[in-house]
C-alpha atoms as a PDB file:
ATOM      1  CA  MET A   1     -16.113  10.617   7.230  1.00  0.00           C
ATOM      2  CA  VAL A   2     -13.005  10.169   9.361  1.00  0.00           C
ATOM      3  CA  THR A   3     -14.092   6.684  10.402  1.00  0.00           C
ATOM      4  CA  ALA A   4     -14.838   5.745   6.794  1.00  0.00           C
ATOM      5  CA  GLY A   5     -11.424   7.082   5.769  1.00  0.00           C
ATOM      6  CA  LEU A   6      -9.724   5.036   8.467  1.00  0.00           C
ATOM      7  CA  VAL A   7     -11.583   1.892   7.397  1.00  0.00           C
ATOM      8  CA  VAL A   8     -10.475   2.387   3.797  1.00  0.00           C
ATOM      9  CA  ALA A   9      -6.921   3.147   5.005  1.00  0.00           C
ATOM     10  CA  ALA A  10      -7.032  -0.163   6.894  1.00  0.00           C
ATOM     11  CA  LEU A  11      -8.068  -1.932   3.678  1.00  0.00           C
ATOM     12  CA  ALA A  12      -5.112  -0.285   1.915  1.00  0.00           C
ATOM     13  CA  ALA A  13      -2.825  -1.497   4.697  1.00  0.00           C
ATOM     14  CA  VAL A  14      -4.146  -5.063   4.455  1.00  0.00           C
ATOM     15  CA  LEU A  15      -3.619  -5.026   0.683  1.00  0.00           C
ATOM     16  CA  HIS A  16      -0.037  -3.841   1.183  1.00  0.00           C
ATOM     17  CA  VAL A  17       0.608  -6.614   3.696  1.00  0.00           C
ATOM     18  CA  TYR A  18      -0.585  -9.031   1.012  1.00  0.00           C
ATOM     19  CA  ILE A  19       1.760  -7.401  -1.508  1.00  0.00           C
ATOM     20  CA  TRP A  20       4.594  -7.757   1.038  1.00  0.00           C
ATOM     21  CA  THR A  21       3.766 -11.457   1.327  1.00  0.00           C
ATOM     22  CA  MET A  22       4.006 -11.929  -2.410  1.00  0.00           C
ATOM     23  CA  GLU A  23       7.142  -9.840  -2.906  1.00  0.00           C
ATOM     24  CA  SER A  24       9.090 -10.931   0.159  1.00  0.00           C
ATOM     25  CA  LEU A  25       7.890 -14.449   0.931  1.00  0.00           C
ATOM     26  CA  THR A  26       6.458 -16.103  -2.185  1.00  0.00           C
ATOM     27  CA  TRP A  27       8.171 -14.221  -5.018  1.00  0.00           C
ATOM     28  CA  THR A  28       9.396 -17.324  -6.858  1.00  0.00           C
ATOM     29  CA  SER A  29       6.213 -19.373  -6.430  1.00  0.00           C
ATOM     30  CA  PRO A  30       4.178 -20.127  -9.563  1.00  0.00           C
ATOM     31  CA  ARG A  31       1.135 -18.202  -8.295  1.00  0.00           C
ATOM     32  CA  THR A  32       3.088 -15.041  -7.487  1.00  0.00           C
ATOM     33  CA  ARG A  33       5.049 -15.296 -10.731  1.00  0.00           C
ATOM     34  CA  ALA A  34       1.737 -15.497 -12.608  1.00  0.00           C
ATOM     35  CA  THR A  35       0.469 -12.423 -10.765  1.00  0.00           C
ATOM     36  CA  PHE A  36       3.548 -10.399 -11.662  1.00  0.00           C
ATOM     37  CA  GLY A  37       4.095 -12.001 -15.065  1.00  0.00           C
ATOM     38  CA  THR A  38       7.628 -13.237 -14.441  1.00  0.00           C
ATOM     39  CA  THR A  39       9.434 -16.351 -15.556  1.00  0.00           C
ATOM     40  CA  PRO A  40      11.228 -18.572 -13.035  1.00  0.00           C
ATOM     41  CA  GLU A  41      14.539 -17.091 -14.207  1.00  0.00           C
ATOM     42  CA  GLU A  42      13.317 -13.492 -13.878  1.00  0.00           C
ATOM     43  CA  ALA A  43      11.890 -14.199 -10.433  1.00  0.00           C
ATOM     44  CA  GLU A  44      15.159 -15.691  -9.246  1.00  0.00           C
ATOM     45  CA  THR A  45      17.177 -12.810 -10.678  1.00  0.00           C
ATOM     46  CA  THR A  46      14.928 -10.162  -9.079  1.00  0.00           C
ATOM     47  CA  ARG A  47      14.332 -12.017  -5.825  1.00  0.00           C
ATOM     48  CA  LEU A  48      16.404  -9.686  -3.618  1.00  0.00           C
ATOM     49  CA  LEU A  49      14.951  -6.560  -5.219  1.00  0.00           C
ATOM     50  CA  ALA A  50      11.412  -7.850  -4.679  1.00  0.00           C
ATOM     51  CA  TYR A  51      12.257  -8.849  -1.106  1.00  0.00           C
ATOM     52  CA  ASN A  52      13.403  -5.311  -0.323  1.00  0.00           C
ATOM     53  CA  GLN A  53      10.460  -3.703  -2.127  1.00  0.00           C
ATOM     54  CA  GLY A  54       8.077  -5.936  -0.233  1.00  0.00           C
ATOM     55  CA  PHE A  55       9.321  -4.558   3.037  1.00  0.00           C
ATOM     56  CA  TYR A  56       8.614  -1.017   1.840  1.00  0.00           C
ATOM     57  CA  ASN A  57       5.014  -2.132   1.355  1.00  0.00           C
ATOM     58  CA  LEU A  58       4.945  -3.706   4.810  1.00  0.00           C
ATOM     59  CA  PHE A  59       6.350  -0.583   6.479  1.00  0.00           C
ATOM     60  CA  LEU A  60       3.748   1.630   4.768  1.00  0.00           C
ATOM     61  CA  ALA A  61       1.046  -0.697   6.081  1.00  0.00           C
ATOM     62  CA  VAL A  62       2.536  -0.600   9.585  1.00  0.00           C
ATOM     63  CA  VAL A  63       2.744   3.218   9.615  1.00  0.00           C
ATOM     64  CA  SER A  64      -0.863   3.410   8.456  1.00  0.00           C
ATOM     65  CA  GLY A  65      -1.971   0.876  11.072  1.00  0.00           C
ATOM     66  CA  ILE A  66      -0.216   2.727  13.884  1.00  0.00           C
ATOM     67  CA  GLY A  67      -1.834   5.943  12.691  1.00  0.00           C
ATOM     68  CA  ILE A  68      -5.279   4.358  12.652  1.00  0.00           C
ATOM     69  CA  ALA A  69      -4.748   3.031  16.183  1.00  0.00           C
ATOM     70  CA  ALA A  70      -3.514   6.438  17.358  1.00  0.00           C
ATOM     71  CA  VAL A  71      -6.650   8.157  16.042  1.00  0.00           C
ATOM     72  CA  PHE A  72      -8.885   5.642  17.807  1.00  0.00           C
ATOM     73  CA  MET A  73      -6.896   6.129  21.028  1.00  0.00           C
ATOM     74  CA  GLY A  74      -7.591   9.854  20.926  1.00  0.00           C
ATOM     75  CA  HIS A  75      -4.349  11.085  19.365  1.00  0.00           C
ATOM     76  CA  ARG A  76      -6.079  12.499  16.301  1.00  0.00           C
ATOM     77  CA  ASP A  77      -3.350  14.814  14.984  1.00  0.00           C
ATOM     78  CA  VAL A  78      -0.469  12.358  15.330  1.00  0.00           C
ATOM     79  CA  GLY A  79      -2.587   9.490  14.030  1.00  0.00           C
ATOM     80  CA  ALA A  80      -3.834  11.481  11.064  1.00  0.00           C
ATOM     81  CA  ALA A  81      -0.259  12.495  10.189  1.00  0.00           C
ATOM     82  CA  LEU A  82       0.840   8.859  10.229  1.00  0.00           C
ATOM     83  CA  VAL A  83      -2.133   7.716   8.142  1.00  0.00           C
ATOM     84  CA  PHE A  84      -1.503  10.493   5.624  1.00  0.00           C
ATOM     85  CA  ALA A  85       2.179   9.506   5.449  1.00  0.00           C
ATOM     86  CA  GLY A  86       1.341   5.815   4.949  1.00  0.00           C
ATOM     87  CA  VAL A  87      -1.526   6.015   2.466  1.00  0.00           C
ATOM     88  CA  GLY A  88      -0.071   9.098   0.798  1.00  0.00           C
ATOM     89  CA  SER A  89       3.100   7.144   0.050  1.00  0.00           C
ATOM     90  CA  MET A  90       1.026   4.220  -1.223  1.00  0.00           C
ATOM     91  CA  ALA A  91      -0.888   6.547  -3.568  1.00  0.00           C
ATOM     92  CA  ALA A  92       2.321   8.225  -4.739  1.00  0.00           C
ATOM     93  CA  ALA A  93       3.907   4.834  -5.466  1.00  0.00           C
ATOM     94  CA  ALA A  94       0.863   3.892  -7.544  1.00  0.00           C
ATOM     95  CA  VAL A  95       1.267   7.088  -9.572  1.00  0.00           C
ATOM     96  CA  VAL A  96       4.971   6.321 -10.115  1.00  0.00           C
ATOM     97  CA  LEU A  97       4.077   2.811 -11.295  1.00  0.00           C
ATOM     98  CA  LEU A  98       1.447   4.172 -13.683  1.00  0.00           C
ATOM     99  CA  ILE A  99       3.812   6.784 -15.138  1.00  0.00           C
ATOM    100  CA  SER A 100       6.789   4.456 -15.441  1.00  0.00           C
ATOM    101  CA  ALA A 101       5.006   1.373 -16.780  1.00  0.00           C
ATOM    102  CA  ARG A 102       1.747   2.005 -18.613  1.00  0.00           C
ATOM    103  CA  ASP A 103       1.298  -1.745 -19.081  1.00  0.00           C
ATOM    104  CA  LYS A 104       0.993  -1.985 -15.275  1.00  0.00           C
ATOM    105  CA  ALA A 105      -2.010   0.379 -15.117  1.00  0.00           C
ATOM    106  CA  ARG A 106      -4.232  -2.310 -13.574  1.00  0.00           C
ATOM    107  CA  ALA A 107      -1.680  -2.970 -10.813  1.00  0.00           C
ATOM    108  CA  ALA A 108      -1.306   0.777 -10.219  1.00  0.00           C
ATOM    109  CA  VAL A 109      -5.057   1.212  -9.828  1.00  0.00           C
ATOM    110  CA  THR A 110      -5.252  -1.862  -7.587  1.00  0.00           C
ATOM    111  CA  GLN A 111      -2.555  -0.609  -5.230  1.00  0.00           C
ATOM    112  CA  GLY A 112      -3.620   3.041  -5.389  1.00  0.00           C
ATOM    113  CA  LEU A 113      -7.414   3.037  -5.249  1.00  0.00           C
ATOM    114  CA  PHE A 114      -7.867   2.411  -1.500  1.00  0.00           C
ATOM    115  CA  PRO A 115      -5.171   4.936  -0.534  1.00  0.00           C
ATOM    116  CA  VAL A 116      -6.653   7.670  -2.730  1.00  0.00           C
ATOM    117  CA  ILE A 117     -10.159   7.047  -1.403  1.00  0.00           C
ATOM    118  CA  ALA A 118      -8.821   7.081   2.169  1.00  0.00           C
ATOM    119  CA  LEU A 119      -7.022  10.387   1.545  1.00  0.00           C
ATOM    120  CA  VAL A 120     -10.150  12.021   0.112  1.00  0.00           C
ATOM    121  CA  LEU A 121     -12.380  10.799   2.952  1.00  0.00           C
ATOM    122  CA  LEU A 122      -9.872  11.849   5.612  1.00  0.00           C
ATOM    123  CA  ILE A 123      -9.360  15.295   4.105  1.00  0.00           C
ATOM    124  CA  ILE A 124     -13.127  15.871   3.962  1.00  0.00           C
ATOM    125  CA  GLY A 125     -13.658  14.426   7.446  1.00  0.00           C
ATOM    126  CA  LEU A 126     -10.846  16.308   9.128  1.00  0.00           C
ATOM    127  CA  ALA A 127     -11.741  19.603   7.424  1.00  0.00           C
ATOM    128  CA  SER A 128     -15.241  19.600   8.901  1.00  0.00           C
END
């Protein structure tokens, strides 16, 4: 179960790197604007906010990745703590998005599903 949880945590991390790419690197591009439903004017106005938010997503992915590596290198407790911090924050952010913007439910589920599954698998795996 721990290995399955780490694999799903890795998928969550990869997704958050992709989100970082959209928010921090391609925010004003037509494809990213279509994904987030913004006009060119809105994208330009929110560019710096999205840039900053994107880095939050990147840092959560990095923390999760370091935790995964630590577990595989035999540092189970430290690695698990880092993975829980990373994917737990991802899951919490998805809940905040769902509560604050019901029209973004699909995005909340997309960004939160892998983290929640990883948390459940890791809790079950580490408890046994």
